[in-house]
């Protein structure tokens, strides 16, 4: 469970960096890393959606913010 959450966090951080590069320079890093393959690009974007949903589930069920007091 913890390993899955760490993997999802790292995927979302990578996608965030790619989005930041695209927003600041106009160069789509993720599309470039997919070798301009639209199907692979959409598959990677769907992976980020699944990662975000997993982290949302994890935050709701395990409530790690309760231990921050």
Protein backbone atom coordinates (compact mmCIF):
# COMPACT_ATOMS: atom_id res chain seq x y z
CA UNK A 1 0.00 0.00 0.00
CA UNK A 2 2.79 2.41 0.90
CA UNK A 3 4.82 1.46 -2.17
CA UNK A 4 1.82 2.05 -4.45
CA UNK A 5 1.29 5.47 -2.93
CA UNK A 6 4.96 6.40 -3.37
CA UNK A 7 4.86 5.28 -7.02
CA UNK A 8 1.71 7.33 -7.65
CA UNK A 9 3.29 10.37 -6.00
CA UNK A 10 6.41 10.08 -8.15
CA UNK A 11 4.30 9.71 -11.31
CA UNK A 12 2.32 12.84 -10.46
CA UNK A 13 5.50 14.78 -9.67
CA UNK A 14 6.94 13.76 -13.05
CA UNK A 15 3.76 14.82 -14.84
CA UNK A 16 3.77 18.10 -12.91
CA UNK A 17 7.32 18.83 -14.05
CA UNK A 18 6.32 18.02 -17.63
CA UNK A 19 3.32 20.34 -17.38
CA UNK A 20 5.48 23.09 -15.92
CA UNK A 21 7.96 22.81 -18.80
CA UNK A 22 5.07 22.98 -21.26
CA UNK A 23 3.52 25.99 -19.53
CA UNK A 24 6.77 27.96 -19.32
CA UNK A 25 8.31 27.13 -22.70
CA UNK A 26 5.58 25.73 -24.96
CA UNK A 27 7.59 22.52 -25.42
CA UNK A 28 5.53 19.44 -24.61
CA UNK A 29 8.07 17.25 -22.82
CA UNK A 30 5.70 14.33 -22.26
CA UNK A 31 4.67 14.23 -25.92
CA UNK A 32 8.36 14.35 -26.90
CA UNK A 33 9.19 11.45 -24.54
CA UNK A 34 6.40 9.43 -26.20
CA UNK A 35 8.14 9.98 -29.58
CA UNK A 36 5.06 11.92 -30.78
CA UNK A 37 2.89 8.82 -30.50
CA UNK A 38 -0.64 9.97 -29.68
CA UNK A 39 -1.78 6.61 -28.31
CA UNK A 40 1.16 6.38 -25.91
CA UNK A 41 0.63 10.01 -24.90
CA UNK A 42 -3.02 9.36 -24.04
CA UNK A 43 -2.06 6.20 -22.14
CA UNK A 44 0.42 8.17 -20.03
CA UNK A 45 -2.16 10.89 -19.36
CA UNK A 46 -4.67 8.24 -18.27
CA UNK A 47 -2.00 6.84 -15.94
CA UNK A 48 -1.76 10.25 -14.29
CA UNK A 49 -5.53 10.25 -13.81
CA UNK A 50 -5.44 6.85 -12.15
CA UNK A 51 -2.57 8.00 -9.92
CA UNK A 52 -4.52 11.06 -8.86
CA UNK A 53 -7.59 8.97 -8.05
CA UNK A 54 -5.47 6.55 -6.03
CA UNK A 55 -3.99 9.39 -3.99
CA UNK A 56 -7.43 10.87 -3.42
CA UNK A 57 -8.66 7.47 -2.17
CA UNK A 58 -5.58 7.13 0.05
CA UNK A 59 -6.08 10.59 1.55
CA UNK A 60 -9.76 9.92 2.28
CA UNK A 61 -9.35 6.42 3.73
CA UNK A 62 -6.11 6.71 5.72
CA UNK A 63 -6.30 10.41 6.66
CA UNK A 64 -2.57 11.08 7.08
CA UNK A 65 -3.29 14.72 7.88
CA UNK A 66 -4.66 13.70 11.30
CA UNK A 67 -1.15 12.84 12.51
CA UNK A 68 0.21 16.30 11.63
CA UNK A 69 -0.98 17.88 14.90
